[in-house]
């Protein structure tokens, strides 16, 4: 599924490894079905919190069921508004595709 977007993984790894910051949360804005977020959660096991944001409440509910037991959480709503209310230092944001 990564296709030509596969470059995001090494690019993100390089960016995270060159910083002295310990990242607490990886947040995808517009996570859709959650596959890219799941892939990155597996690629970055030291980031303790993985959050997927999506406008579609139905898709968010499906993701919560599909990925139950994994260290991912999903929230429905406008990404920027959600981030303004919840963001803290040590977050990494990305958009896939």
Protein backbone atom coordinates (compact mmCIF):
# COMPACT_ATOMS: atom_id res chain seq x y z
CA UNK A 1 0.00 0.00 0.00
CA UNK A 2 2.90 2.37 0.47
CA UNK A 3 3.71 2.46 -3.23
CA UNK A 4 5.65 5.56 -4.15
CA UNK A 5 5.05 6.92 -0.63
CA UNK A 6 7.43 4.35 0.86
CA UNK A 7 10.03 7.14 1.18
CA UNK A 8 8.11 8.54 4.16
CA UNK A 9 9.49 5.81 6.45
CA UNK A 10 13.24 6.43 6.02
CA UNK A 11 12.68 10.20 5.83
CA UNK A 12 10.70 10.19 9.06
CA UNK A 13 13.25 7.89 10.72
CA UNK A 14 16.11 10.19 9.70
CA UNK A 15 14.29 13.24 11.02
CA UNK A 16 13.41 11.59 14.33
CA UNK A 17 16.88 10.15 14.88
CA UNK A 18 18.70 13.44 14.28
CA UNK A 19 16.65 15.33 16.88
CA UNK A 20 17.52 15.27 20.55
CA UNK A 21 13.80 15.35 21.37
CA UNK A 22 12.12 12.23 22.71
CA UNK A 23 8.86 12.01 20.80
CA UNK A 24 5.78 11.03 22.79
CA UNK A 25 3.10 10.97 20.07
CA UNK A 26 2.90 10.25 16.36
CA UNK A 27 -0.26 11.78 14.89
CA UNK A 28 -1.65 11.24 11.41
CA UNK A 29 -4.06 13.85 10.12
CA UNK A 30 -6.59 12.22 7.79
CA UNK A 31 -5.83 8.60 8.74
CA UNK A 32 -8.60 6.99 6.66
CA UNK A 33 -8.51 3.21 7.14
CA UNK A 34 -5.45 3.42 9.41
CA UNK A 35 -3.07 1.22 7.40
CA UNK A 36 -0.33 3.83 7.05
CA UNK A 37 -0.60 4.65 10.75
CA UNK A 38 -0.40 0.96 11.65
CA UNK A 39 2.70 0.58 9.50
CA UNK A 40 4.39 3.54 11.17
CA UNK A 41 3.39 2.31 14.63
CA UNK A 42 5.28 -0.89 13.86
CA UNK A 43 8.25 1.00 12.39
CA UNK A 44 8.55 3.26 15.45
CA UNK A 45 7.90 1.09 18.50
CA UNK A 46 9.57 3.56 20.89
CA UNK A 47 6.96 6.26 20.31
CA UNK A 48 4.43 5.44 23.03
CA UNK A 49 1.31 7.08 21.63
CA UNK A 50 -0.06 6.72 18.10
CA UNK A 51 -3.09 8.86 17.16
CA UNK A 52 -5.13 8.86 13.96
CA UNK A 53 -7.43 11.79 13.21
CA UNK A 54 -10.14 11.64 10.57
CA UNK A 55 -13.26 13.61 9.70
CA UNK A 56 -15.36 10.47 9.23
CA UNK A 57 -16.84 9.24 12.54
CA UNK A 58 -17.91 5.94 10.95
CA UNK A 59 -14.38 5.19 9.72
CA UNK A 60 -12.97 6.17 13.10
CA UNK A 61 -15.32 3.69 14.80
CA UNK A 62 -14.27 0.94 12.34
CA UNK A 63 -10.61 1.71 13.04
CA UNK A 64 -11.15 1.45 16.79
CA UNK A 65 -12.58 -2.03 16.28
CA UNK A 66 -10.08 -3.13 13.64
CA UNK A 67 -7.03 -2.06 15.63
CA UNK A 68 -8.28 -2.90 19.12
CA UNK A 69 -5.38 -4.12 21.23
CA UNK A 70 -2.78 -2.23 19.22
CA UNK A 71 -1.28 0.94 20.63
CA UNK A 72 -3.25 3.19 18.31
CA UNK A 73 -6.13 5.47 19.14
CA UNK A 74 -8.50 7.14 16.72
CA UNK A 75 -10.40 10.40 17.00
CA UNK A 76 -13.07 11.83 14.70
CA UNK A 77 -13.21 15.51 13.89
CA UNK A 78 -11.36 18.35 12.27
CA UNK A 79 -7.64 17.66 12.64
CA UNK A 80 -6.52 21.23 13.24
CA UNK A 81 -9.22 21.88 15.83
CA UNK A 82 -8.41 18.61 17.61
CA UNK A 83 -4.70 19.40 17.64
CA UNK A 84 -5.33 22.89 19.05
CA UNK A 85 -7.17 21.30 22.00
CA UNK A 86 -4.91 18.30 22.65
CA UNK A 87 -1.37 18.84 21.36
CA UNK A 88 1.61 18.86 23.64
CA UNK A 89 5.36 19.12 23.11
CA UNK A 90 6.99 16.04 21.63
CA UNK A 91 4.36 15.35 18.95
CA UNK A 92 5.13 14.41 15.33
CA UNK A 93 2.44 15.13 12.75
CA UNK A 94 2.16 13.68 9.27
CA UNK A 95 -0.23 13.35 6.37
CA UNK A 96 0.07 10.29 4.15
CA UNK A 97 -0.55 10.73 0.44
